[in-house]
Protein backbone atom coordinates (compact mmCIF):
# COMPACT_ATOMS: atom_id res chain seq x y z
CA GLN A 1 11.92 31.41 0.02
CA LEU A 2 12.63 31.30 3.55
CA GLN A 3 15.52 29.15 4.73
CA ALA A 4 15.76 28.58 8.34
CA SER A 5 19.47 26.94 9.36
CA GLY A 6 21.46 26.68 12.75
CA GLY A 7 19.39 24.24 14.92
CA GLY A 8 21.03 21.20 16.57
CA LEU A 9 21.77 19.47 19.57
CA VAL A 10 23.11 21.20 22.36
CA GLN A 11 23.39 20.61 26.47
CA ALA A 12 21.28 23.03 28.83
CA GLY A 13 23.17 26.25 29.20
CA GLY A 14 24.45 26.55 25.61
CA SER A 15 23.69 28.43 23.03
CA LEU A 16 22.52 28.44 19.33
CA ARG A 17 22.01 31.04 16.68
CA LEU A 18 19.01 29.97 14.11
CA SER A 19 19.15 32.15 10.78
CA CYS A 20 16.59 32.42 8.58
CA ALA A 21 17.57 33.69 4.88
CA ALA A 22 15.07 34.97 2.38
CA SER A 23 15.35 34.53 -1.30
CA GLY A 24 13.45 35.35 -4.47
CA ARG A 25 11.68 38.23 -3.06
CA SER A 26 12.78 40.92 -0.18
CA PHE A 27 11.14 40.64 2.99
CA SER A 28 12.85 43.87 4.59
CA SER A 29 9.08 45.81 4.33
CA TYR A 30 7.45 43.17 6.30
CA ALA A 31 7.53 41.64 9.90
CA MET A 32 9.13 38.65 10.34
CA GLY A 33 8.67 35.80 13.31
CA TRP A 34 10.15 32.76 14.78
CA PHE A 35 8.03 30.34 16.14
CA ARG A 36 8.44 26.90 17.61
CA GLN A 37 6.48 23.64 17.95
CA ALA A 38 7.33 20.87 20.80
CA PRO A 39 5.99 17.43 19.98
CA GLY A 40 2.21 17.06 21.40
CA LYS A 41 2.02 21.20 21.69
CA GLU A 42 0.84 23.80 19.54
CA ARG A 43 2.92 26.13 17.33
CA GLU A 44 3.83 29.32 19.52
CA CYS A 45 5.35 32.38 18.51
CA VAL A 46 8.70 32.68 20.33
CA ALA A 47 9.70 36.08 19.19
CA ALA A 48 9.09 38.54 16.40
CA ILE A 49 10.33 42.11 14.77
CA ASN A 50 9.08 44.76 12.91
CA TRP A 51 10.34 45.68 9.37
CA ASN A 52 12.81 47.84 10.60
CA GLY A 53 13.68 46.16 13.88
CA GLY A 54 12.81 49.09 15.79
CA MET A 55 10.16 46.83 17.87
CA THR A 56 10.30 43.29 19.09
CA TYR A 57 8.37 40.69 20.90
CA HIS A 58 9.72 37.80 23.02
CA ILE A 59 7.45 35.26 24.64
CA ARG A 60 7.85 35.33 28.22
CA SER A 61 9.55 32.01 28.86
CA VAL A 62 12.66 33.34 26.84
CA LYS A 63 12.81 36.71 27.88
CA GLY A 64 16.30 37.52 28.70
CA ARG A 65 17.60 34.50 26.95
CA VAL A 66 16.61 34.70 23.42
CA THR A 67 17.00 38.03 20.74
CA ILE A 68 15.38 38.42 17.69
CA SER A 69 17.35 40.63 14.89
CA ARG A 70 17.54 41.27 11.33
CA ASP A 71 19.87 42.52 8.80
CA ASN A 72 17.67 43.89 5.85
CA VAL A 73 20.50 44.39 3.85
CA ASN A 74 21.19 40.78 3.84
CA ASN A 75 17.54 39.76 3.89
CA THR A 76 18.21 37.66 7.13
CA VAL A 77 16.73 37.34 10.25
CA TYR A 78 18.38 35.80 13.42
CA LEU A 79 17.35 34.06 16.70
CA GLN A 80 20.25 34.14 19.24
CA MET A 81 19.23 31.77 21.75
CA ASN A 82 21.71 31.52 25.29
CA SER A 83 21.05 29.59 28.31
CA LEU A 84 19.09 27.15 26.30
CA LYS A 85 16.54 24.87 28.26
CA PRO A 86 15.28 21.23 27.68
CA GLU A 87 11.73 22.98 27.55
CA ASP A 88 13.27 24.75 24.45
CA THR A 89 13.41 22.01 22.65
CA ALA A 90 10.97 21.96 19.54
CA VAL A 91 11.03 22.58 15.65
CA TYR A 92 11.84 26.25 15.22
CA TYR A 93 10.15 27.81 12.07
CA CYS A 94 10.75 31.23 10.76
CA ALA A 95 7.80 33.09 8.87
CA ALA A 96 7.12 36.51 7.00
CA GLY A 97 4.27 38.66 7.60
CA ASP A 98 2.17 40.55 5.20
CA THR A 99 2.52 43.90 7.14
CA GLY A 100 5.24 45.77 8.69
CA TYR A 101 4.20 45.41 11.91
CA TYR A 102 4.40 42.09 14.00
CA THR A 103 1.53 39.86 14.99
CA THR A 104 2.03 37.08 17.18
CA SER A 105 -0.49 35.16 15.51
CA MET A 106 0.21 32.46 12.98
CA GLY A 107 -2.45 34.04 10.53
CA GLY A 108 -0.45 36.99 10.19
CA TYR A 109 2.29 35.18 8.33
CA PRO A 110 1.66 33.91 4.79
CA TYR A 111 5.20 32.86 4.17
CA TRP A 112 7.06 29.92 6.41
CA GLY A 113 10.58 28.34 6.03
CA GLN A 114 10.84 24.59 6.47
CA GLY A 115 11.91 24.38 10.39
CA THR A 116 15.21 23.35 11.94
CA GLN A 117 15.14 21.08 14.91
CA VAL A 118 16.54 22.35 18.54
CA THR A 119 17.56 19.60 20.93
CA VAL A 120 18.52 20.58 24.48
CA SER A 121 19.65 17.96 26.43
CA SER A 122 19.94 17.95 30.33
């Protein structure tokens, strides 16, 4: 029901825009999040957004470089990533929450997409 896309291989300093399209049900009333998991590391919340886009969260390591946004008409959430660094390399997952307000905890997201690989070369 959540389909993530937009990952790929990019050089350091480059940009990628990840998209997460929802189908089968509307997630417009629920918070959405982007998580990432690098090899050997725990999955972490990169960014999250509440149901109407009025409140957002970005992990400190990506602030100023990464922006989460959503389009509730088209049932899609985005992650615009600029000035990418090798440490951003990970599998990125989108997730839908079960309330309208975001949390950074994985437990707050019962719906998950399949993940998209982002690789940043130095």
